[in-house]
Amino acid sequence: MSFVHEVTGLERAVEVEAGLRLAGDVGSLAPASPDRVGAFLRYLRRNPSLWIGGLMLLSLVLFSLIGSLAWEVEQYRPLSVRALQPPSWALPFGSDRQGRDLFATMVAGTPMTIRIGLIAGVLGVGIGTILAFVAAYYGGIADTLIKGVVDIGLTVPGLLVLIIVAVTVRQAISVELMALVVASLAWLWPTRTIRAQVLTMRERAWVQVARLSGMSGPEVIFKEMLPNLFPYLAAALVNSISAAILASIGLEALGLGPIDSPTLGMTVYWVLFNAALINGWWWWWGPPIVILFILFVGLFLLSVGLDEIANPRLRKAV
């Protein structure tokens, strides 16, 4: 009799879960009410980090977009203008020792640097998410193997490994290849953190109900678990992009980046190579430092705002 009662209770739980899911689907099809929109706007006011960080990043995107339309971007190449000219109406950011227009260099180089971070960050979080679900949800030998590789990889100095990888690349390094070099280690930390989230989520009641209702492992992952991890994955992606940009700038500052591309890291390399700080050419190192400051602060604030959404302890009801 107890077995019959357990089966009956399980069937009722499955029916309740199905009803809640159907109600959620119907509610999602309804248009957003004014009260909901107003509540969301009030939530943004309570979470200034999210929209301030977004505005800072949007300002860099607009700077590159408008600058590429209003300025001769090809002047980022050497010998395009007179060398070592201070800022003026003709050269708003001045020029460097190689005769590059630094305004054109910033306009062309900012999206390149962001592209390196985006490619490496997306690859890192994507690979990390797949490995984390395989390890945490299925367990067994796969979990032991993936966890061991990640633990060993995180103990090795990342910059040293990236330097070795960059040096061993025989062909000329492009922006895309630079992103792949950085992505070679970008998956380690996301794999560990996402695996921990999946291990906790795997034991939740609604995941157990989904399993008992007859859903396969991939169905449980894609239909139940992954949608609930989207806020956390978004915050992890922002952190991964920021770490990838920082790693790429570190490599480029050592001269291991795309020499012919005007990325922010390569601009820093030429500043160090030509001793612009010692010679007092402040217009050479000032613009990349300001843009990098806006970029990293914007990514940090956006990450804090997304973390408030993903973390139940920090999240406030919308």
Protein backbone atom coordinates (compact mmCIF):
# COMPACT_ATOMS: atom_id res chain seq x y z
CA MET A 1 0.00 0.00 0.00
CA SER A 2 2.81 2.42 0.79
CA PHE A 3 4.23 1.82 -2.68
CA VAL A 4 0.83 2.64 -4.23
CA HIS A 5 0.62 5.83 -2.19
CA GLU A 6 4.12 6.85 -3.32
CA VAL A 7 3.27 6.26 -6.96
CA THR A 8 0.02 8.18 -6.59
CA GLY A 9 1.84 11.07 -4.92
CA LEU A 10 4.45 11.08 -7.66
CA GLU A 11 1.76 11.20 -10.34
CA ARG A 12 0.13 14.14 -8.59
CA ALA A 13 3.47 15.93 -8.36
CA VAL A 14 4.04 15.39 -12.06
CA GLU A 15 0.55 16.71 -12.85
CA VAL A 16 1.13 19.78 -10.68
CA GLU A 17 4.51 20.39 -12.33
CA ALA A 18 2.93 20.06 -15.79
CA GLY A 19 0.15 22.44 -14.81
CA LEU A 20 2.60 25.01 -13.50
CA ARG A 21 4.68 24.72 -16.65
CA LEU A 22 1.58 25.16 -18.84
CA ALA A 23 0.50 28.17 -16.81
CA GLY A 24 3.97 29.66 -17.15
CA ASP A 25 3.91 29.14 -20.92
CA VAL A 26 0.50 30.78 -21.23
CA GLY A 27 1.63 33.67 -19.04
CA SER A 28 4.75 34.17 -21.14
CA LEU A 29 2.57 34.62 -24.25
CA ALA A 30 0.62 37.46 -22.65
CA PRO A 31 1.83 41.00 -23.33
CA ALA A 32 3.78 42.72 -20.59
CA SER A 33 1.48 44.74 -18.39
CA PRO A 34 2.23 48.38 -17.55
CA ASP A 35 2.67 47.37 -13.92
CA ARG A 36 5.30 44.84 -14.91
CA VAL A 37 7.16 47.39 -17.05
CA GLY A 38 7.02 49.93 -14.26
CA ALA A 39 8.29 47.38 -11.77
CA PHE A 40 11.17 46.55 -14.11
CA LEU A 41 12.07 50.23 -14.42
CA ARG A 42 11.99 50.57 -10.63
CA TYR A 43 14.25 47.54 -10.43
CA LEU A 44 16.74 49.22 -12.78
CA ARG A 45 16.74 52.26 -10.52
CA ARG A 46 17.55 49.98 -7.57
CA ASN A 47 20.27 48.30 -9.62
CA PRO A 48 22.28 51.21 -11.05
CA SER A 49 25.34 49.06 -11.73
CA LEU A 50 23.52 47.29 -14.55
CA TRP A 51 22.51 50.33 -16.58
CA ILE A 52 25.59 52.43 -15.76
CA GLY A 53 27.87 49.62 -16.94
CA GLY A 54 25.73 49.15 -20.03
CA LEU A 55 25.90 52.87 -20.84
CA MET A 56 29.69 52.89 -20.46
CA LEU A 57 30.04 50.00 -22.89
CA LEU A 58 27.51 51.57 -25.24
CA SER A 59 29.58 54.78 -25.27
CA LEU A 60 32.60 52.81 -26.55
CA VAL A 61 30.48 51.17 -29.24
CA LEU A 62 29.14 54.56 -30.36
CA PHE A 63 32.65 56.03 -30.27
CA SER A 64 33.89 53.36 -32.68
CA LEU A 65 30.79 53.46 -34.86
CA ILE A 66 30.53 57.24 -35.23
CA GLY A 67 34.30 57.61 -35.46
CA SER A 68 34.52 55.12 -38.31
CA LEU A 69 31.87 57.07 -40.22
CA ALA A 70 33.25 60.55 -39.55
CA TRP A 71 37.01 59.94 -39.64
CA GLU A 72 39.58 58.48 -41.99
CA VAL A 73 40.23 55.25 -40.10
CA GLU A 74 43.00 54.12 -42.47
CA GLN A 75 45.22 56.76 -40.87
CA TYR A 76 45.98 54.24 -38.11
CA ARG A 77 48.66 52.87 -40.43
CA PRO A 78 52.29 54.08 -40.03
CA LEU A 79 53.45 57.13 -42.00
CA SER A 80 49.89 58.39 -42.47
CA VAL A 81 50.52 61.74 -40.71
CA ARG A 82 53.45 63.67 -39.28
CA ALA A 83 55.06 61.92 -36.33
CA LEU A 84 54.79 63.00 -32.69
CA GLN A 85 52.24 65.73 -33.19
CA PRO A 86 50.40 66.82 -30.02
CA PRO A 87 46.58 66.96 -30.04
CA SER A 88 45.08 69.58 -32.33
CA TRP A 89 41.94 70.17 -34.42
CA ALA A 90 43.41 68.13 -37.25
CA LEU A 91 44.65 65.37 -34.92
CA PRO A 92 42.38 65.22 -31.83
CA PHE A 93 44.55 62.61 -30.07
CA GLY A 94 47.83 63.56 -31.74
CA SER A 95 50.15 61.12 -33.51
CA ASP A 96 52.80 58.62 -32.44
CA ARG A 97 56.41 58.14 -33.42
CA GLN A 98 55.49 55.94 -36.40
CA GLY A 99 53.22 58.61 -37.88
CA ARG A 100 49.90 57.01 -36.90
CA ASP A 101 46.83 59.10 -36.20
CA LEU A 102 46.02 58.08 -32.62
CA PHE A 103 42.34 59.01 -32.94
CA ALA A 104 42.03 56.67 -35.92
CA THR A 105 44.02 54.07 -33.97
CA MET A 106 41.56 54.22 -31.06
CA VAL A 107 38.55 54.11 -33.38
CA ALA A 108 39.88 51.05 -35.21
CA GLY A 109 41.51 49.34 -32.23
CA THR A 110 38.70 49.50 -29.66
CA PRO A 111 36.33 47.13 -31.51
CA MET A 112 39.25 44.80 -32.27
CA THR A 113 40.07 44.50 -28.59
CA ILE A 114 36.41 43.94 -27.72
CA ARG A 115 36.18 41.33 -30.48
CA ILE A 116 39.09 39.39 -28.98
CA GLY A 117 37.31 39.37 -25.64
CA LEU A 118 33.97 38.37 -27.16
CA ILE A 119 35.37 35.47 -29.18
CA ALA A 120 37.49 34.13 -26.32
CA GLY A 121 34.75 34.71 -23.75
CA VAL A 122 32.01 33.01 -25.76
CA LEU A 123 34.26 30.04 -26.53
CA GLY A 124 35.36 29.77 -22.92
CA VAL A 125 31.85 29.90 -21.44
CA GLY A 126 30.43 27.70 -24.19
CA ILE A 127 33.04 24.95 -23.74
CA GLY A 128 32.89 25.36 -19.96
CA THR A 129 29.09 25.00 -19.94
CA ILE A 130 29.17 21.80 -22.00
CA LEU A 131 31.90 20.22 -19.87
CA ALA A 132 30.23 21.35 -16.63
CA PHE A 133 26.89 19.74 -17.55
CA VAL A 134 28.56 16.52 -18.71
CA ALA A 135 30.59 16.31 -15.50
CA ALA A 136 27.98 17.39 -12.94
CA TYR A 137 24.80 15.91 -14.39
CA TYR A 138 26.10 12.53 -15.55
CA GLY A 139 28.95 12.15 -13.04
CA GLY A 140 31.08 9.03 -13.05
CA ILE A 141 34.38 8.80 -14.90
CA ALA A 142 33.59 11.89 -16.98
CA ASP A 143 33.20 14.00 -13.83
CA THR A 144 36.44 12.67 -12.36
CA LEU A 145 38.37 13.26 -15.56
CA ILE A 146 37.02 16.76 -16.26
CA LYS A 147 37.40 17.87 -12.64
CA GLY A 148 40.98 16.60 -12.56
CA VAL A 149 41.96 18.37 -15.78
CA VAL A 150 40.38 21.63 -14.59
CA ASP A 151 42.06 21.47 -11.17
CA ILE A 152 45.46 20.84 -12.76
CA GLY A 153 44.94 23.56 -15.36
CA LEU A 154 44.02 26.16 -12.75
CA THR A 155 47.21 25.52 -10.79
CA VAL A 156 49.42 26.40 -13.77
CA PRO A 157 50.18 30.14 -14.25
CA GLY A 158 47.85 31.14 -17.07
CA LEU A 159 49.97 33.96 -18.51
CA LEU A 160 53.00 31.67 -18.75
CA VAL A 161 50.99 29.07 -20.69
CA LEU A 162 49.58 31.74 -23.00
CA ILE A 163 53.08 33.09 -23.67
CA ILE A 164 54.27 29.60 -24.61
CA VAL A 165 51.25 29.06 -26.87
CA ALA A 166 51.70 32.46 -28.54
CA VAL A 167 55.41 31.87 -29.11
CA THR A 168 54.84 28.44 -30.66
CA VAL A 169 52.37 29.82 -33.21
CA ARG A 170 54.38 29.95 -36.43
CA GLN A 171 52.04 31.99 -38.60
CA ALA A 172 51.39 35.71 -38.23
CA ILE A 173 49.02 36.35 -35.35
CA SER A 174 45.73 37.96 -36.35
CA VAL A 175 42.96 39.26 -34.12
CA GLU A 176 40.99 36.02 -34.51
CA LEU A 177 44.04 33.85 -33.83
CA MET A 178 44.83 35.97 -30.79
CA ALA A 179 41.32 35.28 -29.51
CA LEU A 180 41.82 31.54 -30.00
CA VAL A 181 45.12 31.66 -28.11
CA VAL A 182 43.39 33.35 -25.16
CA ALA A 183 40.43 30.96 -25.41
CA SER A 184 42.76 27.98 -24.98
CA LEU A 185 42.59 28.57 -21.21
CA ALA A 186 39.39 30.61 -20.95
CA TRP A 187 37.20 27.53 -20.36
CA LEU A 188 38.87 26.35 -17.14
CA TRP A 189 37.31 28.70 -14.59
CA PRO A 190 33.80 28.69 -16.14
CA THR A 191 33.86 24.87 -16.08
CA ARG A 192 34.54 24.83 -12.34
CA THR A 193 31.99 27.48 -11.35
CA ILE A 194 29.20 26.25 -13.65
CA ARG A 195 29.79 22.66 -12.52
CA ALA A 196 29.20 23.75 -8.93
CA GLN A 197 25.91 25.38 -9.94
CA VAL A 198 24.78 22.29 -11.85
CA LEU A 199 25.64 20.01 -8.91
CA THR A 200 23.36 22.09 -6.69
CA MET A 201 20.60 22.36 -9.26
CA ARG A 202 20.65 18.62 -10.01
CA GLU A 203 19.26 17.85 -6.56
CA ARG A 204 16.37 20.31 -6.74
CA ALA A 205 12.85 18.92 -6.49
CA TRP A 206 11.70 20.19 -9.88
CA VAL A 207 14.66 18.48 -11.58
CA GLN A 208 13.77 15.22 -9.84
CA VAL A 209 10.16 15.61 -10.94
CA ALA A 210 11.29 16.20 -14.53
CA ARG A 211 13.38 13.04 -14.43
CA LEU A 212 10.56 10.96 -12.98
CA SER A 213 8.13 12.32 -15.55
CA GLY A 214 10.08 10.49 -18.24
CA MET A 215 12.24 13.29 -19.63
CA SER A 216 15.64 12.23 -20.92
CA GLY A 217 18.90 13.70 -19.70
CA PRO A 218 19.33 16.17 -22.60
CA GLU A 219 15.68 17.24 -22.24
CA VAL A 220 16.14 17.95 -18.55
CA ILE A 221 19.30 19.92 -19.28
CA PHE A 222 17.97 22.04 -22.17
CA LYS A 223 14.35 22.49 -21.06
CA GLU A 224 14.66 22.70 -17.27
CA MET A 225 18.18 23.42 -16.04
CA LEU A 226 19.75 25.58 -18.74
CA PRO A 227 16.99 28.27 -18.80
CA ASN A 228 17.35 28.69 -15.04
CA LEU A 229 21.11 29.17 -15.45
CA PHE A 230 20.87 31.92 -18.07
CA PRO A 231 21.33 34.84 -15.61
CA TYR A 232 24.37 33.13 -14.08
CA LEU A 233 25.78 32.28 -17.51
CA ALA A 234 25.36 35.91 -18.59
CA ALA A 235 27.33 37.10 -15.56
CA ALA A 236 29.97 34.42 -16.19
CA LEU A 237 30.23 35.52 -19.82
CA VAL A 238 30.88 39.14 -18.85
CA ASN A 239 33.58 38.05 -16.40
CA SER A 240 35.12 35.78 -19.04
CA ILE A 241 35.18 38.59 -21.61
CA SER A 242 36.88 40.91 -19.12
CA ALA A 243 39.50 38.27 -18.24
CA ALA A 244 40.11 37.50 -21.92
CA ILE A 245 40.67 41.18 -22.76
CA LEU A 246 43.07 41.52 -19.84
CA ALA A 247 44.99 38.41 -20.93
CA SER A 248 45.20 39.61 -24.53
CA ILE A 249 46.50 43.02 -23.44
CA GLY A 250 49.13 41.30 -21.31
CA LEU A 251 50.33 39.26 -24.28
CA GLU A 252 50.23 42.21 -26.65
CA ALA A 253 52.15 44.42 -24.23
CA LEU A 254 54.93 41.81 -24.43
CA GLY A 255 54.94 42.04 -28.23
CA LEU A 256 53.15 38.71 -28.78
CA GLY A 257 50.03 40.13 -30.39
CA PRO A 258 48.97 41.09 -33.91
CA ILE A 259 51.73 43.56 -34.81
CA ASP A 260 49.89 45.02 -37.81
CA SER A 261 46.58 45.54 -35.96
CA PRO A 262 45.89 48.71 -33.93
CA THR A 263 44.47 46.96 -30.87
CA LEU A 264 44.64 48.70 -27.52
CA GLY A 265 47.20 46.18 -26.29
CA MET A 266 49.47 46.76 -29.27
CA THR A 267 49.21 50.51 -28.69
CA VAL A 268 50.40 49.89 -25.12
CA TYR A 269 53.26 47.82 -26.55
CA TRP A 270 54.40 50.65 -28.83
CA VAL A 271 54.13 53.09 -25.90
CA LEU A 272 56.47 50.90 -23.86
CA PHE A 273 58.76 50.16 -26.81
CA ASN A 274 59.26 53.86 -27.60
CA ALA A 275 59.42 54.98 -23.93
CA ALA A 276 56.54 57.42 -24.36
CA LEU A 277 56.14 57.76 -20.58
CA ILE A 278 59.74 58.83 -20.08
CA ASN A 279 59.73 61.18 -23.07
CA GLY A 280 56.55 62.93 -21.91
CA TRP A 281 54.39 62.02 -24.92
CA TRP A 282 51.26 61.87 -22.76
CA TRP A 283 48.86 61.98 -25.73
CA TRP A 284 50.25 58.63 -26.85
CA TRP A 285 49.47 56.63 -23.70
CA GLY A 286 46.56 58.72 -22.37
CA PRO A 287 43.76 57.68 -24.81
CA PRO A 288 44.29 53.89 -24.55
CA ILE A 289 44.43 54.10 -20.76
CA VAL A 290 41.16 56.06 -20.63
CA ILE A 291 39.41 53.67 -23.03
CA LEU A 292 40.64 50.62 -21.12
CA PHE A 293 39.44 52.22 -17.87
CA ILE A 294 35.96 52.77 -19.32
CA LEU A 295 35.92 49.26 -20.78
CA PHE A 296 36.92 47.41 -17.60
CA VAL A 297 34.80 49.53 -15.27
CA GLY A 298 31.80 49.08 -17.58
CA LEU A 299 32.30 45.31 -17.68
CA PHE A 300 32.72 45.20 -13.90
CA LEU A 301 29.54 47.16 -13.24
CA LEU A 302 27.62 45.07 -15.75
CA SER A 303 28.88 41.91 -14.07
CA VAL A 304 27.81 43.21 -10.65
CA GLY A 305 24.36 44.03 -11.99
CA LEU A 306 23.94 40.62 -13.61
CA ASP A 307 25.23 38.91 -10.49
CA GLU A 308 22.46 40.58 -8.50
CA ILE A 309 19.94 39.03 -10.87
CA ALA A 310 21.58 35.59 -10.77
CA ASN A 311 22.27 35.47 -7.02
CA PRO A 312 19.14 34.83 -4.91
CA ARG A 313 20.79 36.37 -1.87
CA LEU A 314 21.36 39.65 -3.67
CA ARG A 315 18.33 39.69 -5.95
CA LYS A 316 15.43 41.96 -5.15
CA ALA A 317 11.99 41.18 -6.42
CA VAL A 318 11.01 42.92 -9.66
